Amino acid sequence: MKVMSVIGNGEWDVFRPVTRTPLSLLVSRQIRDAIVSGELVVGSELPSEKELTQRFAVSRSTIREALRILQAQGLLSGGDTVSTSRPRVSGELSLGAASEALENVLRLGQVPLPDLIELRLLLEAAALETVPRDAPGLEDAHRELELMRRPGIDVSVFHDADVRFHITLAAAGGNSAVPLVMNVLRHAIASHLLETLDALPDPARTLARLTGEHAAILAAVEAGDGARARRLLRSHVEDFYTENHRG
């Protein structure tokens, strides 16, 4: 009986060397799965390090590294402070962690900026067409618009109000997933847009124009003209990007 050799046979090139996954990663995945599934609810306190070492049958250093991984992902509290208290399940930082991860992907060139902008446009434009004319969230959009209209407004303050305006308006349609995804997308590209605004020779003129475009989008939504709101949004975003990202 002839035994087929694995070495040097192209038929077996799909095989790769086996690597050992760090125990800390395996532990963090188990805890993460418990959080995502709801077995560990937001606000619940994790067992002590000693209890965790016994339950997972690993060293305390492995447990600490696993907890640091989850804190970096925004799923556990304590990642930004020095404390002896037990970490708690937290959703407050997960959005920031997701935004940072997407921004890293963008800056590494794995996803082109235009692709993220197009994804944001598709999501936000579709959301605008579902916003009721009397949606409560429109009041918040008006407040951000008034802030953008303030004379001499700082570019960074304007930019923050701009981000909140778009997220608030898109969320007014009632889909709770929309503001979450919008937050991640907007914050991932935020630094690029803010850098563009900071580099403008006459930012006041551009900010005034952008404010007028925001007002027109909001007026279209309040008039119940979702199709017009969609067109205005696309023009608003694409024109700014085309003018300031040539070449």
Foldseek 3Di string as FASTA:
>chain_A
DDDDDCPPDPVNVVDDDDDDDDPLCVLLVVVVVCDVVCVADFFDFDDDLVVSCVVSVHDSVSPVSNVQVCVLQVQWPDNVHDDPGTIGGHPPCNLVSLLVVLLVCDVVPVDDPVVLVVVLLVLLLVLLLQAALPQPLLVVLVVLLVLLPDPPDDLVSNLVSVLVNSLSNSCSSPDPVSSSVSSSSCSSCSVVVSVLLVPDPDNVVVSVVLSVLSVVLSVCSNVSNSVVNSVSVCCSVVVVCCVRPPD
